[in-house]
């Protein structure tokens, strides 16, 4: 009795383990420290300084942080109607076997077939909010590859908001914010791990039985 229970223990922690492992891909990338150049004696202007008014605070280098404003709202619908019909009729009279004997027999056959099908599907999603991400790579054309995640730990699980994409520097506002509809190759994920997320999914045995059920 104890042996089956022991074998099932790794499955209980499977989803949480996979989420923690997947989170490693979203580890922040930090910019390497650059030695600060010595300031000229008596000089006021410093080339490496980030002044309040003379410096552009928008992200432009690896390790810089910018904020993504989610404005995702998509809706799709599809409908399809199909119909077909077919009918056939066949008749034949056999000749008499003997003169003055039995009259010819009549054979007949008719078929009719009708088909009508109709289907419709509608899907919509919406996501709002903000997420701060970091620049992980500057492409040769100057575009920025960004990546980041936010993890919210709850009593019975955790929620993850993850994002990767490509940003054009000119799409970043003066407040260092870019909207999500400006991201190219955007990959936005809102997923959960833990007891709450597991209760919203079928068990592994139910999924197997559903997959092999021919009905």
N, C-alpha and C. Protein backbone atom coordinates (compact mmCIF):
# COMPACT_ATOMS: atom_id res chain seq x y z
N UNK A 1 0.83 -1.21 0.00
CA UNK A 1 0.00 0.00 0.00
C UNK A 1 0.86 1.25 0.00
N UNK A 2 1.97 1.20 0.75
CA UNK A 2 2.82 2.38 0.84
C UNK A 2 3.61 2.61 -0.43
N UNK A 3 3.90 1.54 -1.16
CA UNK A 3 4.74 1.69 -2.35
C UNK A 3 4.09 2.57 -3.41
N UNK A 4 2.79 2.38 -3.76
CA UNK A 4 2.17 3.27 -4.74
C UNK A 4 2.16 4.72 -4.29
N UNK A 5 1.95 4.94 -2.99
CA UNK A 5 1.93 6.32 -2.50
C UNK A 5 3.29 6.97 -2.64
N UNK A 6 4.35 6.20 -2.39
CA UNK A 6 5.70 6.75 -2.52
C UNK A 6 5.99 7.11 -3.97
N UNK A 7 5.50 6.29 -4.90
CA UNK A 7 5.73 6.57 -6.32
C UNK A 7 4.99 7.80 -6.79
N UNK A 8 3.89 8.15 -6.15
CA UNK A 8 3.10 9.31 -6.55
C UNK A 8 3.59 10.60 -5.94
N UNK A 9 4.46 10.54 -4.94
CA UNK A 9 4.93 11.76 -4.30
C UNK A 9 5.65 12.70 -5.26
N UNK A 10 6.53 12.23 -6.15
CA UNK A 10 7.17 13.18 -7.08
C UNK A 10 6.18 13.90 -7.97
N UNK A 11 5.05 13.26 -8.31
CA UNK A 11 4.06 13.92 -9.16
C UNK A 11 3.39 15.07 -8.45
N UNK A 12 3.29 15.02 -7.14
CA UNK A 12 2.62 16.08 -6.41
C UNK A 12 3.37 17.39 -6.49
N UNK A 13 4.69 17.31 -6.56
CA UNK A 13 5.51 18.53 -6.62
C UNK A 13 6.00 18.82 -8.02
N UNK A 14 5.46 18.15 -9.02
CA UNK A 14 5.97 18.28 -10.39
C UNK A 14 5.77 19.68 -10.93
N UNK A 15 4.55 20.24 -10.79
CA UNK A 15 4.27 21.55 -11.38
C UNK A 15 5.11 22.64 -10.75
N UNK A 16 5.24 22.61 -9.42
CA UNK A 16 6.04 23.63 -8.74
C UNK A 16 7.50 23.54 -9.15
N UNK A 17 8.01 22.31 -9.27
CA UNK A 17 9.41 22.14 -9.66
C UNK A 17 9.65 22.67 -11.06
N UNK A 18 8.72 22.37 -11.98
CA UNK A 18 8.88 22.84 -13.35
C UNK A 18 8.83 24.36 -13.43
N UNK A 19 7.97 24.98 -12.63
CA UNK A 19 7.88 26.43 -12.65
C UNK A 19 9.15 27.07 -12.12
N UNK A 20 9.69 26.52 -11.04
CA UNK A 20 10.93 27.07 -10.50
C UNK A 20 12.08 26.90 -11.49
N UNK A 21 12.10 25.77 -12.19
CA UNK A 21 13.16 25.55 -13.16
C UNK A 21 13.00 26.49 -14.36
N UNK A 22 11.77 26.70 -14.81
CA UNK A 22 11.54 27.59 -15.94
C UNK A 22 11.87 29.03 -15.59
N UNK A 23 11.73 29.38 -14.30
CA UNK A 23 12.01 30.74 -13.90
C UNK A 23 13.47 31.12 -14.03
N UNK A 24 14.36 30.11 -14.12
CA UNK A 24 15.78 30.41 -14.26
C UNK A 24 16.07 31.11 -15.57
N UNK A 25 15.28 30.86 -16.60
CA UNK A 25 15.51 31.51 -17.89
C UNK A 25 15.23 33.00 -17.84
N UNK A 26 14.50 33.43 -16.83
CA UNK A 26 14.15 34.84 -16.71
C UNK A 26 15.00 35.56 -15.67
N UNK A 27 16.12 34.98 -15.33
CA UNK A 27 17.02 35.63 -14.37
C UNK A 27 17.52 36.95 -14.95
N UNK A 28 17.61 38.00 -14.15
CA UNK A 28 18.02 39.31 -14.67
C UNK A 28 19.45 39.30 -15.18
N UNK A 29 19.69 40.12 -16.19
CA UNK A 29 21.03 40.30 -16.75
C UNK A 29 21.53 41.67 -16.32
N UNK A 30 22.65 41.68 -15.63
CA UNK A 30 23.18 42.93 -15.10
C UNK A 30 24.32 43.43 -15.98
N UNK A 31 24.40 44.73 -16.08
CA UNK A 31 25.48 45.34 -16.84
C UNK A 31 26.78 45.25 -16.06
N UNK A 32 27.85 44.96 -16.78
CA UNK A 32 29.15 44.87 -16.12
C UNK A 32 29.58 46.24 -15.61
N UNK A 33 30.19 46.22 -14.43
CA UNK A 33 30.63 47.48 -13.83
C UNK A 33 31.74 48.10 -14.66
N UNK A 34 31.60 49.39 -14.90
CA UNK A 34 32.60 50.14 -15.66
C UNK A 34 33.32 51.07 -14.71
N UNK A 35 34.65 51.04 -14.69
CA UNK A 35 35.38 51.94 -13.79
C UNK A 35 35.05 53.40 -14.08
N UNK A 36 34.81 54.16 -13.02
CA UNK A 36 34.49 55.57 -13.17
C UNK A 36 35.75 56.37 -13.45
N UNK A 37 35.69 57.14 -14.53
CA UNK A 37 36.86 57.95 -14.88
C UNK A 37 37.03 59.08 -13.88
N UNK A 38 38.27 59.38 -13.60
CA UNK A 38 38.55 60.47 -12.65
C UNK A 38 38.16 61.80 -13.25
N UNK A 39 37.55 62.63 -12.42
CA UNK A 39 37.08 63.94 -12.88
C UNK A 39 38.25 64.93 -12.89
N UNK A 40 38.29 65.73 -13.94
CA UNK A 40 39.34 66.73 -14.05
C UNK A 40 39.23 67.74 -12.91
N UNK A 41 40.35 68.06 -12.34
CA UNK A 41 40.37 69.00 -11.22
C UNK A 41 39.75 70.33 -11.64
N UNK A 42 38.75 70.74 -10.87
CA UNK A 42 38.10 72.00 -11.16
C UNK A 42 37.03 71.91 -12.22
N UNK A 43 36.84 70.74 -12.84
CA UNK A 43 35.83 70.60 -13.88
C UNK A 43 34.44 70.41 -13.29
N UNK A 44 33.45 70.93 -13.99
CA UNK A 44 32.06 70.81 -13.56
C UNK A 44 31.35 69.70 -14.33
N UNK A 45 31.57 69.64 -15.64
CA UNK A 45 30.90 68.65 -16.48
C UNK A 45 31.63 67.32 -16.43
N UNK A 46 30.88 66.24 -16.27
CA UNK A 46 31.44 64.90 -16.24
C UNK A 46 30.75 64.06 -17.32
N UNK A 47 31.53 63.47 -18.22
CA UNK A 47 30.98 62.77 -19.37
C UNK A 47 30.11 61.59 -18.96
N UNK A 48 30.46 60.88 -17.89
CA UNK A 48 29.75 59.67 -17.48
C UNK A 48 28.60 59.94 -16.53
N UNK A 49 28.44 61.18 -16.11
CA UNK A 49 27.39 61.49 -15.13
C UNK A 49 26.03 61.52 -15.79
N UNK A 50 25.00 61.12 -15.04
CA UNK A 50 23.62 61.16 -15.52
C UNK A 50 22.94 62.34 -14.85
N UNK A 51 22.96 63.45 -15.51
CA UNK A 51 22.35 64.64 -14.94
C UNK A 51 20.84 64.58 -14.99
N UNK A 52 20.21 65.46 -14.29
CA UNK A 52 18.76 65.47 -14.20
C UNK A 52 18.12 66.00 -15.46
N UNK A 53 18.76 66.99 -16.12
CA UNK A 53 18.15 67.64 -17.26
C UNK A 53 18.87 67.32 -18.58
N UNK A 54 20.14 66.99 -18.53
CA UNK A 54 20.91 66.83 -19.76
C UNK A 54 20.98 65.38 -20.20
N UNK A 55 20.51 64.45 -19.42
CA UNK A 55 20.65 63.04 -19.77
C UNK A 55 19.30 62.43 -20.11
N UNK A 56 19.29 61.55 -21.13
CA UNK A 56 18.09 60.81 -21.51
C UNK A 56 18.01 59.56 -20.64
N UNK A 57 16.96 59.47 -19.83
CA UNK A 57 16.85 58.38 -18.87
C UNK A 57 16.17 57.14 -19.45
N UNK A 58 15.90 57.13 -20.75
CA UNK A 58 15.28 55.97 -21.35
C UNK A 58 16.29 54.84 -21.50
N UNK A 59 15.80 53.61 -21.38
CA UNK A 59 16.68 52.45 -21.47
C UNK A 59 17.32 52.37 -22.84
N UNK A 60 18.63 52.09 -22.87
CA UNK A 60 19.33 51.97 -24.15
C UNK A 60 20.52 51.02 -24.09
N UNK A 61 20.78 50.40 -22.96
CA UNK A 61 21.94 49.53 -22.83
C UNK A 61 21.57 48.29 -22.03
N UNK A 62 22.39 47.27 -22.13
CA UNK A 62 22.17 46.03 -21.39
C UNK A 62 22.17 46.32 -19.89
N UNK A 63 21.16 45.80 -19.21
CA UNK A 63 21.02 46.04 -17.79
C UNK A 63 20.08 47.16 -17.44
N UNK A 64 19.76 48.03 -18.41
CA UNK A 64 18.81 49.12 -18.14
C UNK A 64 17.40 48.55 -17.96
N UNK A 65 16.59 49.26 -17.23
CA UNK A 65 15.23 48.83 -16.91
C UNK A 65 14.23 49.78 -17.55
N UNK A 66 13.17 49.23 -18.11
CA UNK A 66 12.06 50.03 -18.61
C UNK A 66 10.76 49.35 -18.22
N UNK A 67 9.67 50.08 -18.32
CA UNK A 67 8.36 49.59 -17.90
C UNK A 67 7.49 49.32 -19.12
N UNK A 68 6.82 48.18 -19.12
CA UNK A 68 5.90 47.80 -20.19
C UNK A 68 4.48 47.96 -19.69
N UNK A 69 3.69 48.74 -20.41
CA UNK A 69 2.28 48.93 -20.08
C UNK A 69 1.46 47.96 -20.92
N UNK A 70 0.77 47.02 -20.25
CA UNK A 70 -0.03 46.04 -20.98
C UNK A 70 -1.32 46.69 -21.47
N UNK A 71 -1.54 46.59 -22.77
CA UNK A 71 -2.79 47.08 -23.37
C UNK A 71 -3.35 45.99 -24.29
N UNK A 72 -3.25 44.75 -23.85
CA UNK A 72 -3.65 43.62 -24.68
C UNK A 72 -5.16 43.44 -24.62
N UNK A 73 -5.76 43.44 -25.79
CA UNK A 73 -7.19 43.17 -25.91
C UNK A 73 -7.44 42.60 -27.30
N UNK A 74 -7.66 41.31 -27.37
CA UNK A 74 -7.84 40.62 -28.64
C UNK A 74 -9.17 39.88 -28.64
N UNK A 75 -9.78 39.84 -29.79
CA UNK A 75 -11.05 39.12 -29.94
C UNK A 75 -11.08 38.49 -31.32
N UNK A 76 -11.46 37.24 -31.37
CA UNK A 76 -11.53 36.50 -32.63
C UNK A 76 -12.80 35.67 -32.65
N UNK A 77 -13.37 35.54 -33.83
CA UNK A 77 -14.57 34.72 -34.00
C UNK A 77 -14.51 34.03 -35.35
N UNK A 78 -15.13 32.88 -35.41
CA UNK A 78 -15.15 32.09 -36.64
C UNK A 78 -16.43 31.29 -36.69
N UNK A 79 -17.02 31.23 -37.86
CA UNK A 79 -18.23 30.44 -38.05
C UNK A 79 -18.14 29.72 -39.39
N UNK A 80 -18.81 28.58 -39.45
CA UNK A 80 -18.77 27.78 -40.66
C UNK A 80 -20.08 27.02 -40.79
N UNK A 81 -20.61 26.99 -42.01
CA UNK A 81 -21.84 26.27 -42.31
C UNK A 81 -21.63 25.45 -43.57
N UNK A 82 -22.05 24.22 -43.54
CA UNK A 82 -21.90 23.33 -44.69
C UNK A 82 -23.13 22.46 -44.82
N UNK A 83 -23.53 22.21 -46.05
CA UNK A 83 -24.67 21.33 -46.31
C UNK A 83 -24.46 20.64 -47.65
N UNK A 84 -24.96 19.44 -47.77
CA UNK A 84 -24.86 18.68 -49.01
C UNK A 84 -26.02 17.69 -49.08
N UNK A 85 -26.36 17.32 -50.29
CA UNK A 85 -27.45 16.37 -50.50
C UNK A 85 -27.21 15.54 -51.75
N UNK A 86 -27.74 14.35 -51.75
CA UNK A 86 -27.58 13.46 -52.89
C UNK A 86 -28.76 12.51 -52.96
N UNK A 87 -29.28 12.32 -54.15
CA UNK A 87 -30.41 11.41 -54.36
C UNK A 87 -30.19 10.63 -55.65
N UNK A 88 -30.60 9.38 -55.66
CA UNK A 88 -30.47 8.53 -56.85
C UNK A 88 -31.69 7.61 -56.95
N UNK A 89 -32.05 7.25 -58.19
CA UNK A 89 -33.21 6.39 -58.43
C UNK A 89 -32.87 5.43 -59.57
N UNK A 90 -33.18 4.17 -59.39
CA UNK A 90 -32.87 3.15 -60.40
C UNK A 90 -34.07 2.21 -60.55
N UNK A 91 -34.49 1.97 -61.80
CA UNK A 91 -35.60 1.06 -62.10
C UNK A 91 -35.23 0.19 -63.30
N UNK A 92 -35.66 -1.07 -63.27
CA UNK A 92 -35.39 -1.99 -64.39
C UNK A 92 -36.48 -3.06 -64.42
N UNK A 93 -36.94 -3.40 -65.61
CA UNK A 93 -37.95 -4.44 -65.81
C UNK A 93 -37.31 -5.62 -66.53
N UNK A 94 -37.40 -6.81 -65.95
CA UNK A 94 -36.84 -8.01 -66.57
C UNK A 94 -37.78 -8.54 -67.64
N UNK A 95 -37.25 -9.11 -68.72
CA UNK A 95 -38.12 -9.68 -69.76
C UNK A 95 -38.82 -10.95 -69.28
N UNK A 96 -39.91 -11.32 -70.00
CA UNK A 96 -40.66 -12.54 -69.66
C UNK A 96 -39.80 -13.77 -69.93
N UNK A 97 -39.92 -14.74 -69.06
CA UNK A 97 -39.14 -15.96 -69.22
C UNK A 97 -39.67 -16.82 -70.37
N UNK A 98 -41.02 -16.98 -70.47
CA UNK A 98 -41.64 -17.80 -71.51
C UNK A 98 -42.74 -17.02 -72.20
N UNK A 99 -42.97 -17.29 -73.49
CA UNK A 99 -44.07 -16.60 -74.16
C UNK A 99 -45.41 -16.96 -73.52
N UNK A 100 -46.16 -15.94 -73.18
CA UNK A 100 -47.45 -16.16 -72.56
C UNK A 100 -47.36 -16.58 -71.12
N UNK A 101 -46.15 -16.60 -70.57
CA UNK A 101 -45.99 -17.03 -69.19
C UNK A 101 -45.98 -15.84 -68.23
N UNK A 102 -45.03 -15.91 -67.29
CA UNK A 102 -44.92 -14.85 -66.29
C UNK A 102 -44.48 -13.56 -66.94
N UNK A 103 -45.04 -12.51 -66.49
CA UNK A 103 -44.62 -11.20 -67.00
C UNK A 103 -43.28 -10.82 -66.36
N UNK A 104 -42.63 -9.87 -66.98
CA UNK A 104 -41.33 -9.46 -66.48
C UNK A 104 -41.41 -8.84 -65.09
N UNK A 105 -40.43 -9.15 -64.28
CA UNK A 105 -40.37 -8.60 -62.92
C UNK A 105 -39.76 -7.20 -62.95
N UNK A 106 -40.18 -6.40 -62.05
CA UNK A 106 -39.66 -5.03 -61.97
C UNK A 106 -38.76 -4.88 -60.74
N UNK A 107 -37.63 -4.28 -60.97
CA UNK A 107 -36.68 -4.00 -59.89
C UNK A 107 -36.52 -2.50 -59.76
N UNK A 108 -36.43 -2.06 -58.54
CA UNK A 108 -36.27 -0.62 -58.30
C UNK A 108 -35.42 -0.35 -57.06
N UNK A 109 -34.73 0.77 -57.11
CA UNK A 109 -33.86 1.13 -55.97
C UNK A 109 -33.73 2.65 -55.94
N UNK A 110 -33.86 3.21 -54.78
CA UNK A 110 -33.71 4.67 -54.63
C UNK A 110 -33.01 4.96 -53.31
N UNK A 111 -32.18 5.97 -53.32
CA UNK A 111 -31.45 6.40 -52.12
C UNK A 111 -31.51 7.91 -52.01
N UNK A 112 -31.39 8.37 -50.79
CA UNK A 112 -31.35 9.82 -50.52
C UNK A 112 -30.44 10.06 -49.33
N UNK A 113 -29.62 11.07 -49.43
CA UNK A 113 -28.67 11.38 -48.36
C UNK A 113 -28.56 12.89 -48.20
N UNK A 114 -28.67 13.34 -46.98
CA UNK A 114 -28.57 14.77 -46.68
C UNK A 114 -27.58 14.97 -45.55
N UNK A 115 -26.84 16.07 -45.62
CA UNK A 115 -25.89 16.43 -44.56
C UNK A 115 -25.97 17.92 -44.31
N UNK A 116 -25.97 18.27 -43.04
CA UNK A 116 -25.98 19.68 -42.66
C UNK A 116 -25.12 19.85 -41.42
N UNK A 117 -24.19 20.78 -41.47
CA UNK A 117 -23.30 21.03 -40.34
C UNK A 117 -23.11 22.52 -40.11
N UNK A 118 -22.91 22.87 -38.87
CA UNK A 118 -22.74 24.27 -38.52
C UNK A 118 -21.88 24.38 -37.27
N UNK A 119 -20.93 25.28 -37.30
CA UNK A 119 -20.05 25.47 -36.15
C UNK A 119 -19.68 26.93 -35.97
N UNK A 120 -19.38 27.29 -34.74
CA UNK A 120 -18.99 28.67 -34.42
C UNK A 120 -18.05 28.65 -33.23
N UNK A 121 -17.10 29.56 -33.24
CA UNK A 121 -16.13 29.68 -32.15
C UNK A 121 -15.81 31.14 -31.92
N UNK A 122 -15.74 31.53 -30.66
CA UNK A 122 -15.42 32.91 -30.29
C UNK A 122 -14.42 32.88 -29.14
N UNK A 123 -13.41 33.72 -29.23
CA UNK A 123 -12.39 33.78 -28.19
C UNK A 123 -11.96 35.23 -27.99
N UNK A 124 -11.79 35.61 -26.74
CA UNK A 124 -11.35 36.97 -26.43
C UNK A 124 -10.49 36.93 -25.18
N UNK A 125 -9.57 37.88 -25.08
CA UNK A 125 -8.73 37.97 -23.89
C UNK A 125 -8.35 39.42 -23.67
N UNK A 126 -8.04 39.73 -22.43
CA UNK A 126 -7.68 41.10 -22.06
C UNK A 126 -6.65 41.04 -20.93
N UNK A 127 -5.67 41.93 -21.01
CA UNK A 127 -4.63 41.99 -20.00
C UNK A 127 -4.20 43.43 -19.83
N UNK A 128 -4.28 43.93 -18.62
CA UNK A 128 -3.86 45.29 -18.31
C UNK A 128 -2.93 45.26 -17.11
N UNK A 129 -2.16 46.31 -16.97
CA UNK A 129 -1.22 46.39 -15.86
C UNK A 129 0.15 46.82 -16.35
N UNK A 130 1.13 46.75 -15.47
CA UNK A 130 2.49 47.15 -15.79
C UNK A 130 3.48 46.11 -15.30
N UNK A 131 4.60 46.02 -16.01
CA UNK A 131 5.67 45.11 -15.65
C UNK A 131 7.00 45.75 -16.05
N UNK A 132 7.92 45.82 -15.11
CA UNK A 132 9.25 46.35 -15.39
C UNK A 132 10.14 45.21 -15.87
N UNK A 133 10.83 45.44 -16.98
CA UNK A 133 11.69 44.43 -17.59
C UNK A 133 13.08 45.02 -17.79
N UNK A 134 14.03 44.17 -18.08
CA UNK A 134 15.40 44.61 -18.29
C UNK A 134 15.86 44.35 -19.71
N UNK A 135 16.80 45.14 -20.17
CA UNK A 135 17.41 44.95 -21.49
C UNK A 135 18.47 43.87 -21.37
N UNK A 136 18.34 42.81 -22.15
CA UNK A 136 19.29 41.70 -22.09
C UNK A 136 20.23 41.68 -23.28
N UNK A 137 19.87 42.41 -24.35
CA UNK A 137 20.75 42.44 -25.52
C UNK A 137 20.39 43.62 -26.39
N UNK A 138 21.40 44.24 -26.96
CA UNK A 138 21.21 45.32 -27.93
C UNK A 138 21.55 44.76 -29.30
N UNK A 139 20.57 44.73 -30.21
CA UNK A 139 20.77 44.15 -31.53
C UNK A 139 21.60 45.09 -32.40
N UNK A 140 22.19 44.59 -33.48
CA UNK A 140 23.01 45.44 -34.35
C UNK A 140 22.28 46.65 -34.91
N UNK A 141 20.97 46.56 -35.10
CA UNK A 141 20.21 47.70 -35.62
C UNK A 141 19.77 48.66 -34.53
N UNK A 142 20.17 48.41 -33.29
CA UNK A 142 19.84 49.30 -32.19
C UNK A 142 18.61 48.91 -31.42
N UNK A 143 17.85 47.94 -31.89
CA UNK A 143 16.67 47.49 -31.16
C UNK A 143 17.08 46.76 -29.89
N UNK A 144 16.19 46.78 -28.91
CA UNK A 144 16.49 46.23 -27.59
C UNK A 144 15.70 44.96 -27.35
N UNK A 145 16.38 43.92 -26.95
CA UNK A 145 15.71 42.69 -26.53
C UNK A 145 15.49 42.77 -25.02
N UNK A 146 14.23 42.68 -24.61
CA UNK A 146 13.89 42.85 -23.19
C UNK A 146 13.30 41.55 -22.66
N UNK A 147 13.43 41.39 -21.36
CA UNK A 147 12.91 40.19 -20.70
C UNK A 147 12.74 40.49 -19.22
N UNK A 148 11.70 39.95 -18.65
CA UNK A 148 11.47 40.15 -17.22
C UNK A 148 10.31 39.32 -16.72
N UNK A 149 10.21 39.21 -15.43
CA UNK A 149 9.12 38.48 -14.82
C UNK A 149 8.79 39.08 -13.46
N UNK A 150 7.58 38.84 -13.04
CA UNK A 150 7.14 39.22 -11.69
C UNK A 150 6.54 37.98 -11.04
N UNK A 151 6.98 37.69 -9.85
CA UNK A 151 6.49 36.52 -9.12
C UNK A 151 5.77 36.98 -7.87
N UNK A 152 4.51 36.57 -7.77
CA UNK A 152 3.69 36.90 -6.60
C UNK A 152 3.48 35.63 -5.80
N UNK A 153 4.07 35.55 -4.63
CA UNK A 153 3.95 34.37 -3.78
C UNK A 153 2.70 34.49 -2.91
N UNK A 154 1.84 33.49 -3.00
CA UNK A 154 0.61 33.45 -2.22
C UNK A 154 0.69 32.30 -1.22
N UNK A 155 -0.35 32.17 -0.40
CA UNK A 155 -0.34 31.14 0.63
C UNK A 155 -0.26 29.74 0.04
N UNK A 156 -1.03 29.48 -1.02
CA UNK A 156 -1.11 28.14 -1.58
C UNK A 156 -0.56 28.08 -3.00
N UNK A 157 0.39 28.91 -3.32
CA UNK A 157 0.96 28.87 -4.66
C UNK A 157 1.60 30.19 -5.03
N UNK A 158 1.88 30.33 -6.30
CA UNK A 158 2.53 31.54 -6.80
C UNK A 158 1.98 31.86 -8.18
N UNK A 159 2.01 33.14 -8.52
CA UNK A 159 1.59 33.62 -9.84
C UNK A 159 2.79 34.26 -10.52
N UNK A 160 2.94 33.97 -11.82
CA UNK A 160 4.05 34.49 -12.59
C UNK A 160 3.52 35.31 -13.76
N UNK A 161 4.10 36.49 -13.96
CA UNK A 161 3.86 37.28 -15.16
C UNK A 161 5.20 37.41 -15.86
N UNK A 162 5.30 36.90 -17.07
CA UNK A 162 6.57 36.87 -17.78
C UNK A 162 6.43 37.49 -19.16
N UNK A 163 7.51 38.13 -19.59
CA UNK A 163 7.47 38.82 -20.88
C UNK A 163 8.83 38.81 -21.53
N UNK A 164 8.85 38.58 -22.82
CA UNK A 164 10.03 38.77 -23.66
C UNK A 164 9.59 39.44 -24.95
N UNK A 165 10.48 40.18 -25.58
CA UNK A 165 10.14 40.86 -26.81
C UNK A 165 11.25 41.77 -27.29
N UNK A 166 11.00 42.42 -28.42
CA UNK A 166 11.94 43.35 -29.04
C UNK A 166 11.31 44.73 -29.04
N UNK A 167 12.07 45.73 -28.60
CA UNK A 167 11.58 47.10 -28.49
C UNK A 167 12.44 48.02 -29.36
N UNK A 168 11.78 48.91 -30.08
CA UNK A 168 12.51 49.97 -30.78
C UNK A 168 12.73 51.13 -29.81
N UNK A 169 13.92 51.67 -29.74
CA UNK A 169 14.17 52.78 -28.81
C UNK A 169 13.24 53.96 -29.02
N UNK A 170 12.84 54.23 -30.27
CA UNK A 170 11.97 55.37 -30.54
C UNK A 170 10.55 55.16 -30.04
N UNK A 171 10.18 53.91 -29.71
CA UNK A 171 8.85 53.65 -29.17
C UNK A 171 8.78 53.82 -27.66
N UNK A 172 9.91 54.02 -27.03
CA UNK A 172 9.94 54.23 -25.58
C UNK A 172 9.65 55.69 -25.29
N UNK A 173 8.67 55.95 -24.43
CA UNK A 173 8.29 57.31 -24.10
C UNK A 173 9.32 58.00 -23.22
N UNK A 174 9.11 59.29 -23.06
CA UNK A 174 10.04 60.07 -22.22
C UNK A 174 10.01 59.63 -20.77
N UNK A 175 8.92 58.95 -20.35
CA UNK A 175 8.83 58.43 -18.99
C UNK A 175 9.37 57.01 -18.88
N UNK A 176 10.07 56.56 -19.92
CA UNK A 176 10.68 55.23 -19.95
C UNK A 176 9.64 54.12 -19.90
N UNK A 177 8.50 54.34 -20.57
CA UNK A 177 7.41 53.37 -20.62
C UNK A 177 7.10 53.08 -22.09
N UNK A 178 6.88 51.82 -22.40
CA UNK A 178 6.47 51.40 -23.74
C UNK A 178 5.24 50.52 -23.60
N UNK A 179 4.28 50.66 -24.51
CA UNK A 179 3.08 49.84 -24.48
C UNK A 179 3.36 48.48 -25.11
N UNK A 180 2.63 47.47 -24.65
CA UNK A 180 2.90 46.11 -25.10
C UNK A 180 2.59 45.90 -26.57
N UNK A 181 1.71 46.72 -27.15
CA UNK A 181 1.41 46.56 -28.57
C UNK A 181 2.54 47.06 -29.46
N UNK A 182 3.57 47.66 -28.88
CA UNK A 182 4.73 48.11 -29.63
C UNK A 182 5.86 47.08 -29.62
N UNK A 183 5.68 45.99 -28.92
CA UNK A 183 6.71 44.96 -28.83
C UNK A 183 6.61 44.00 -30.01
N UNK A 184 7.75 43.71 -30.62
CA UNK A 184 7.80 42.70 -31.66
C UNK A 184 8.18 41.36 -31.04
N UNK A 185 7.63 40.29 -31.63
CA UNK A 185 7.89 38.92 -31.14
C UNK A 185 7.58 38.83 -29.63
N UNK A 186 6.51 39.47 -29.22
CA UNK A 186 6.17 39.49 -27.79
C UNK A 186 5.69 38.12 -27.34
N UNK A 187 6.18 37.70 -26.21
CA UNK A 187 5.76 36.45 -25.57
C UNK A 187 5.35 36.80 -24.15
N UNK A 188 4.04 36.87 -23.93
CA UNK A 188 3.49 37.27 -22.63
C UNK A 188 2.83 36.05 -22.00
N UNK A 189 3.21 35.74 -20.79
CA UNK A 189 2.68 34.57 -20.10
C UNK A 189 2.21 34.96 -18.70
N UNK A 190 1.02 34.52 -18.39
CA UNK A 190 0.46 34.71 -17.04
C UNK A 190 0.07 33.31 -16.57
N UNK A 191 0.90 32.74 -15.71
CA UNK A 191 0.72 31.36 -15.30
C UNK A 191 0.80 31.25 -13.79
N UNK A 192 0.40 30.10 -13.29
CA UNK A 192 0.41 29.87 -11.85
C UNK A 192 1.02 28.53 -11.52
N UNK A 193 1.43 28.39 -10.28
CA UNK A 193 1.99 27.13 -9.78
C UNK A 193 1.58 26.97 -8.33
N UNK A 194 1.38 25.72 -7.93
CA UNK A 194 0.98 25.47 -6.56
C UNK A 194 -0.38 24.81 -6.47
N UNK A 195 -0.93 24.78 -5.26
CA UNK A 195 -2.19 24.08 -5.03
C UNK A 195 -3.34 24.70 -5.80
N UNK A 196 -3.41 26.03 -5.84
CA UNK A 196 -4.53 26.69 -6.51
C UNK A 196 -4.51 26.39 -8.00
N UNK A 197 -3.33 26.46 -8.62
CA UNK A 197 -3.23 26.18 -10.05
C UNK A 197 -3.50 24.71 -10.36
N UNK A 198 -3.07 23.82 -9.47
CA UNK A 198 -3.26 22.39 -9.71
C UNK A 198 -4.72 21.99 -9.65
N UNK A 199 -5.51 22.64 -8.78
CA UNK A 199 -6.92 22.28 -8.66
C UNK A 199 -7.71 22.67 -9.90
N UNK A 200 -7.19 23.56 -10.71
CA UNK A 200 -7.89 23.96 -11.94
C UNK A 200 -7.53 23.12 -13.14
N UNK A 201 -6.77 22.04 -12.94
CA UNK A 201 -6.37 21.17 -14.03
C UNK A 201 -6.77 19.73 -13.75
N UNK A 202 -6.95 18.98 -14.82
CA UNK A 202 -7.24 17.56 -14.67
C UNK A 202 -6.01 16.82 -14.17
N UNK A 203 -6.26 15.74 -13.44
CA UNK A 203 -5.16 14.89 -13.02
C UNK A 203 -4.56 14.15 -14.20
N UNK A 204 -3.36 13.60 -14.00
CA UNK A 204 -2.67 12.95 -15.12
C UNK A 204 -3.43 11.73 -15.62
N UNK A 205 -4.08 11.00 -14.71
CA UNK A 205 -4.83 9.83 -15.15
C UNK A 205 -6.05 10.23 -15.96
N UNK A 206 -6.72 11.31 -15.54
CA UNK A 206 -7.88 11.78 -16.29
C UNK A 206 -7.48 12.25 -17.69
N UNK A 207 -6.32 12.91 -17.80
CA UNK A 207 -5.86 13.36 -19.11
C UNK A 207 -5.53 12.17 -20.02
N UNK A 208 -4.95 11.12 -19.45
CA UNK A 208 -4.64 9.93 -20.25
C UNK A 208 -5.91 9.26 -20.74
N UNK A 209 -6.89 9.10 -19.84
CA UNK A 209 -8.14 8.45 -20.23
C UNK A 209 -8.89 9.28 -21.27
N UNK A 210 -8.84 10.60 -21.16
CA UNK A 210 -9.49 11.46 -22.15
C UNK A 210 -8.82 11.34 -23.51
N UNK A 211 -7.50 11.22 -23.52
CA UNK A 211 -6.76 11.16 -24.78
C UNK A 211 -7.03 9.85 -25.53
N UNK A 212 -7.19 8.75 -24.80
CA UNK A 212 -7.36 7.44 -25.45
C UNK A 212 -8.82 7.07 -25.63
N UNK A 213 -9.74 7.88 -25.12
CA UNK A 213 -11.16 7.56 -25.24
C UNK A 213 -11.60 7.77 -26.69
N UNK A 214 -12.07 6.73 -27.39
CA UNK A 214 -12.45 6.89 -28.80
C UNK A 214 -13.80 7.55 -28.98
N UNK A 215 -14.57 7.72 -27.92
CA UNK A 215 -15.93 8.26 -28.04
C UNK A 215 -15.89 9.77 -27.84
